Amino acid sequence: MPCAYQVKLHLQNNRLTKDLPKSLFLLTGLADVNVSDNCLSGALSDDVANLKQLRLFKMEGNRHSATDRAVITDSLTVYLPALVKAQGFRI
């Protein structure tokens, strides 16, 4: 029986700036992403739709404006509704 595993990417507290790189959204096996407490700002790429395995996505503690947070939440609601429904998203 194969082992079940989750691919995790934890980059919290690393002073990341600007937007998340589009190449991150090519890692389609990601299940757990934590980019909290950096200096990220701006909207989230629509390429987030590639992350079909995503179960937890933490972005709180960055420099997103209220508008950015609303756009990101709307994008995730459209592209990854199960993530939002399961409350696996934090900004």
N, C-alpha and C. Protein backbone atom coordinates (compact mmCIF):
# COMPACT_ATOMS: atom_id res chain seq x y z
N MET A 1 0.85 -1.18 0.00
CA MET A 1 0.00 0.00 0.00
C MET A 1 0.89 1.24 0.00
N PRO A 2 0.69 2.17 -0.93
CA PRO A 2 1.54 3.37 -0.98
C PRO A 2 1.29 4.29 0.21
N CYS A 3 2.32 4.99 0.59
CA CYS A 3 2.21 5.94 1.70
C CYS A 3 1.49 7.21 1.23
N ALA A 4 0.62 7.69 2.07
CA ALA A 4 -0.03 8.97 1.79
C ALA A 4 0.85 10.07 2.37
N TYR A 5 1.13 11.07 1.61
CA TYR A 5 1.94 12.18 2.10
C TYR A 5 1.42 13.48 1.54
N GLN A 6 1.77 14.55 2.23
CA GLN A 6 1.40 15.88 1.78
C GLN A 6 2.67 16.65 1.48
N VAL A 7 2.68 17.29 0.34
CA VAL A 7 3.81 18.13 -0.03
C VAL A 7 3.60 19.49 0.63
N LYS A 8 4.58 19.89 1.44
CA LYS A 8 4.47 21.13 2.20
C LYS A 8 5.55 22.11 1.75
N LEU A 9 5.18 23.38 1.76
CA LEU A 9 6.13 24.46 1.50
C LEU A 9 5.90 25.52 2.56
N HIS A 10 6.83 25.61 3.49
CA HIS A 10 6.72 26.58 4.59
C HIS A 10 7.82 27.62 4.44
N LEU A 11 7.42 28.83 4.13
CA LEU A 11 8.36 29.94 3.92
C LEU A 11 8.01 31.14 4.79
N GLN A 12 7.40 30.89 5.93
CA GLN A 12 7.03 31.99 6.81
C GLN A 12 8.27 32.65 7.40
N ASN A 13 8.13 33.94 7.71
CA ASN A 13 9.20 34.72 8.35
C ASN A 13 10.50 34.76 7.54
N ASN A 14 10.39 35.01 6.24
CA ASN A 14 11.58 35.03 5.39
C ASN A 14 11.77 36.34 4.65
N ARG A 15 11.01 37.35 4.96
CA ARG A 15 11.11 38.66 4.31
C ARG A 15 10.87 38.60 2.80
N LEU A 16 10.02 37.69 2.37
CA LEU A 16 9.65 37.64 0.96
C LEU A 16 8.89 38.92 0.62
N THR A 17 9.14 39.47 -0.57
CA THR A 17 8.50 40.72 -0.96
C THR A 17 7.71 40.55 -2.26
N LYS A 18 6.88 41.53 -2.52
CA LYS A 18 6.06 41.64 -3.73
C LYS A 18 5.07 40.49 -3.82
N ASP A 19 4.95 39.88 -5.00
CA ASP A 19 3.99 38.79 -5.24
C ASP A 19 4.68 37.44 -5.13
N LEU A 20 3.87 36.41 -4.95
CA LEU A 20 4.41 35.05 -5.04
C LEU A 20 4.77 34.78 -6.50
N PRO A 21 5.90 34.14 -6.75
CA PRO A 21 6.29 33.87 -8.14
C PRO A 21 5.33 32.88 -8.80
N LYS A 22 5.08 33.10 -10.09
CA LYS A 22 4.18 32.20 -10.84
C LYS A 22 4.69 30.77 -10.84
N SER A 23 6.00 30.59 -10.74
CA SER A 23 6.57 29.24 -10.75
C SER A 23 6.09 28.43 -9.55
N LEU A 24 5.72 29.09 -8.46
CA LEU A 24 5.17 28.37 -7.30
C LEU A 24 3.92 27.59 -7.70
N PHE A 25 3.14 28.15 -8.60
CA PHE A 25 1.88 27.53 -8.98
C PHE A 25 2.04 26.41 -10.00
N LEU A 26 3.30 26.11 -10.36
CA LEU A 26 3.59 24.94 -11.19
C LEU A 26 3.80 23.70 -10.32
N LEU A 27 3.93 23.89 -9.02
CA LEU A 27 4.14 22.78 -8.08
C LEU A 27 2.78 22.21 -7.70
N THR A 28 2.19 21.49 -8.63
CA THR A 28 0.80 21.08 -8.51
C THR A 28 0.52 20.10 -7.38
N GLY A 29 1.54 19.50 -6.81
CA GLY A 29 1.35 18.56 -5.71
C GLY A 29 1.29 19.21 -4.33
N LEU A 30 1.43 20.53 -4.28
CA LEU A 30 1.43 21.21 -2.99
C LEU A 30 0.09 21.03 -2.28
N ALA A 31 0.17 20.66 -1.00
CA ALA A 31 -1.04 20.50 -0.19
C ALA A 31 -1.07 21.50 0.96
N ASP A 32 0.09 21.99 1.36
CA ASP A 32 0.20 22.86 2.53
C ASP A 32 1.22 23.95 2.22
N VAL A 33 0.75 25.21 2.13
CA VAL A 33 1.63 26.34 1.84
C VAL A 33 1.49 27.36 2.96
N ASN A 34 2.62 27.78 3.51
CA ASN A 34 2.62 28.80 4.55
C ASN A 34 3.62 29.88 4.17
N VAL A 35 3.11 31.03 3.78
CA VAL A 35 3.94 32.19 3.45
C VAL A 35 3.59 33.36 4.37
N SER A 36 3.19 33.05 5.59
CA SER A 36 2.80 34.07 6.56
C SER A 36 4.00 34.87 7.03
N ASP A 37 3.70 36.07 7.52
CA ASP A 37 4.69 36.93 8.17
C ASP A 37 5.89 37.23 7.30
N ASN A 38 5.61 37.64 6.07
CA ASN A 38 6.62 38.13 5.15
C ASN A 38 6.24 39.56 4.78
N CYS A 39 6.65 40.02 3.63
CA CYS A 39 6.32 41.37 3.16
C CYS A 39 5.63 41.29 1.80
N LEU A 40 4.81 40.27 1.62
CA LEU A 40 4.11 40.08 0.35
C LEU A 40 3.00 41.11 0.19
N SER A 41 2.72 41.48 -1.04
CA SER A 41 1.63 42.41 -1.34
C SER A 41 1.12 42.10 -2.73
N GLY A 42 0.00 42.67 -3.07
CA GLY A 42 -0.56 42.48 -4.40
C GLY A 42 -1.50 41.29 -4.48
N ALA A 43 -2.09 41.14 -5.65
CA ALA A 43 -3.06 40.07 -5.87
C ALA A 43 -2.36 38.73 -6.07
N LEU A 44 -3.13 37.69 -6.05
CA LEU A 44 -2.65 36.33 -6.24
C LEU A 44 -2.88 35.94 -7.70
N SER A 45 -1.90 35.30 -8.32
CA SER A 45 -2.03 34.88 -9.71
C SER A 45 -3.18 33.89 -9.88
N ASP A 46 -3.88 33.99 -10.99
CA ASP A 46 -4.94 33.03 -11.30
C ASP A 46 -4.39 31.61 -11.46
N ASP A 47 -3.06 31.51 -11.60
CA ASP A 47 -2.43 30.20 -11.71
C ASP A 47 -2.57 29.37 -10.43
N VAL A 48 -3.07 30.00 -9.36
CA VAL A 48 -3.34 29.25 -8.13
C VAL A 48 -4.32 28.11 -8.42
N ALA A 49 -5.08 28.22 -9.48
CA ALA A 49 -6.03 27.16 -9.87
C ALA A 49 -5.32 25.84 -10.16
N ASN A 50 -4.01 25.88 -10.42
CA ASN A 50 -3.25 24.64 -10.67
C ASN A 50 -3.05 23.81 -9.42
N LEU A 51 -3.23 24.41 -8.26
CA LEU A 51 -2.93 23.73 -6.99
C LEU A 51 -4.14 22.95 -6.49
N LYS A 52 -4.55 21.95 -7.22
CA LYS A 52 -5.76 21.18 -6.91
C LYS A 52 -5.63 20.38 -5.61
N GLN A 53 -4.41 20.11 -5.15
CA GLN A 53 -4.20 19.33 -3.92
C GLN A 53 -4.16 20.20 -2.66
N LEU A 54 -4.21 21.52 -2.84
CA LEU A 54 -4.04 22.46 -1.75
C LEU A 54 -5.13 22.31 -0.69
N ARG A 55 -4.71 22.10 0.55
CA ARG A 55 -5.64 21.93 1.67
C ARG A 55 -5.46 23.01 2.73
N LEU A 56 -4.28 23.66 2.75
CA LEU A 56 -4.00 24.70 3.72
C LEU A 56 -3.12 25.75 3.04
N PHE A 57 -3.56 27.01 3.11
CA PHE A 57 -2.84 28.10 2.48
C PHE A 57 -2.85 29.29 3.44
N LYS A 58 -1.72 29.54 4.09
CA LYS A 58 -1.61 30.61 5.08
C LYS A 58 -0.83 31.78 4.49
N MET A 59 -1.45 32.97 4.54
CA MET A 59 -0.83 34.19 4.02
C MET A 59 -0.91 35.35 5.00
N GLU A 60 -1.37 35.10 6.23
CA GLU A 60 -1.57 36.22 7.13
C GLU A 60 -0.25 36.87 7.54
N GLY A 61 -0.34 38.12 7.96
CA GLY A 61 0.84 38.84 8.43
C GLY A 61 1.72 39.38 7.33
N ASN A 62 1.16 39.63 6.16
CA ASN A 62 1.91 40.23 5.06
C ASN A 62 1.43 41.67 4.87
N ARG A 63 1.74 42.28 3.76
CA ARG A 63 1.39 43.69 3.53
C ARG A 63 0.23 43.85 2.54
N HIS A 64 -0.68 42.91 2.53
CA HIS A 64 -1.82 43.01 1.63
C HIS A 64 -2.80 44.06 2.13
N SER A 65 -3.26 44.86 1.20
CA SER A 65 -4.28 45.85 1.54
C SER A 65 -5.62 45.13 1.67
N ALA A 66 -6.61 45.83 2.17
CA ALA A 66 -7.96 45.25 2.27
C ALA A 66 -8.46 44.84 0.89
N THR A 67 -8.16 45.66 -0.12
CA THR A 67 -8.57 45.34 -1.49
C THR A 67 -7.87 44.07 -1.97
N ASP A 68 -6.55 43.98 -1.73
CA ASP A 68 -5.80 42.78 -2.11
C ASP A 68 -6.40 41.54 -1.46
N ARG A 69 -6.70 41.64 -0.16
CA ARG A 69 -7.27 40.49 0.56
C ARG A 69 -8.60 40.07 -0.04
N ALA A 70 -9.42 41.03 -0.41
CA ALA A 70 -10.72 40.73 -1.02
C ALA A 70 -10.55 40.05 -2.37
N VAL A 71 -9.62 40.55 -3.19
CA VAL A 71 -9.37 39.97 -4.51
C VAL A 71 -8.82 38.55 -4.37
N ILE A 72 -7.90 38.35 -3.45
CA ILE A 72 -7.33 37.02 -3.22
C ILE A 72 -8.42 36.06 -2.76
N THR A 73 -9.24 36.48 -1.83
CA THR A 73 -10.32 35.63 -1.33
C THR A 73 -11.29 35.29 -2.46
N ASP A 74 -11.64 36.27 -3.27
CA ASP A 74 -12.53 36.03 -4.40
C ASP A 74 -11.91 35.04 -5.39
N SER A 75 -10.62 35.20 -5.68
CA SER A 75 -9.94 34.29 -6.60
C SER A 75 -9.96 32.87 -6.08
N LEU A 76 -9.66 32.71 -4.81
CA LEU A 76 -9.65 31.36 -4.24
C LEU A 76 -11.05 30.77 -4.20
N THR A 77 -12.04 31.60 -3.97
CA THR A 77 -13.42 31.11 -3.95
C THR A 77 -13.80 30.58 -5.32
N VAL A 78 -13.33 31.23 -6.38
CA VAL A 78 -13.62 30.79 -7.74
C VAL A 78 -12.80 29.56 -8.12
N TYR A 79 -11.48 29.61 -7.89
CA TYR A 79 -10.59 28.58 -8.39
C TYR A 79 -10.44 27.37 -7.47
N LEU A 80 -10.53 27.59 -6.17
CA LEU A 80 -10.36 26.49 -5.21
C LEU A 80 -11.46 26.55 -4.16
N PRO A 81 -12.71 26.39 -4.58
CA PRO A 81 -13.82 26.54 -3.63
C PRO A 81 -13.77 25.56 -2.45
N ALA A 82 -13.25 24.36 -2.66
CA ALA A 82 -13.18 23.39 -1.56
C ALA A 82 -12.23 23.88 -0.47
N LEU A 83 -11.15 24.56 -0.86
CA LEU A 83 -10.21 25.11 0.11
C LEU A 83 -10.88 26.16 0.98
N VAL A 84 -11.62 27.05 0.36
CA VAL A 84 -12.32 28.11 1.09
C VAL A 84 -13.42 27.51 1.96
N LYS A 85 -14.17 26.57 1.43
CA LYS A 85 -15.26 25.94 2.17
C LYS A 85 -14.73 25.22 3.41
N ALA A 86 -13.59 24.57 3.28
CA ALA A 86 -12.98 23.84 4.39
C ALA A 86 -12.23 24.76 5.35
N GLN A 87 -12.25 26.05 5.06
CA GLN A 87 -11.57 27.07 5.87
C GLN A 87 -10.06 26.79 5.97
N GLY A 88 -9.49 26.34 4.85
CA GLY A 88 -8.05 26.07 4.81
C GLY A 88 -7.25 27.26 4.31
N PHE A 89 -7.88 28.41 4.23
CA PHE A 89 -7.21 29.60 3.72
C PHE A 89 -7.22 30.67 4.78
N ARG A 90 -6.06 31.28 5.02
CA ARG A 90 -5.95 32.36 6.02
C ARG A 90 -5.13 33.50 5.45
N ILE A 91 -5.74 34.69 5.46
CA ILE A 91 -5.03 35.89 5.02
C ILE A 91 -5.28 37.00 6.02
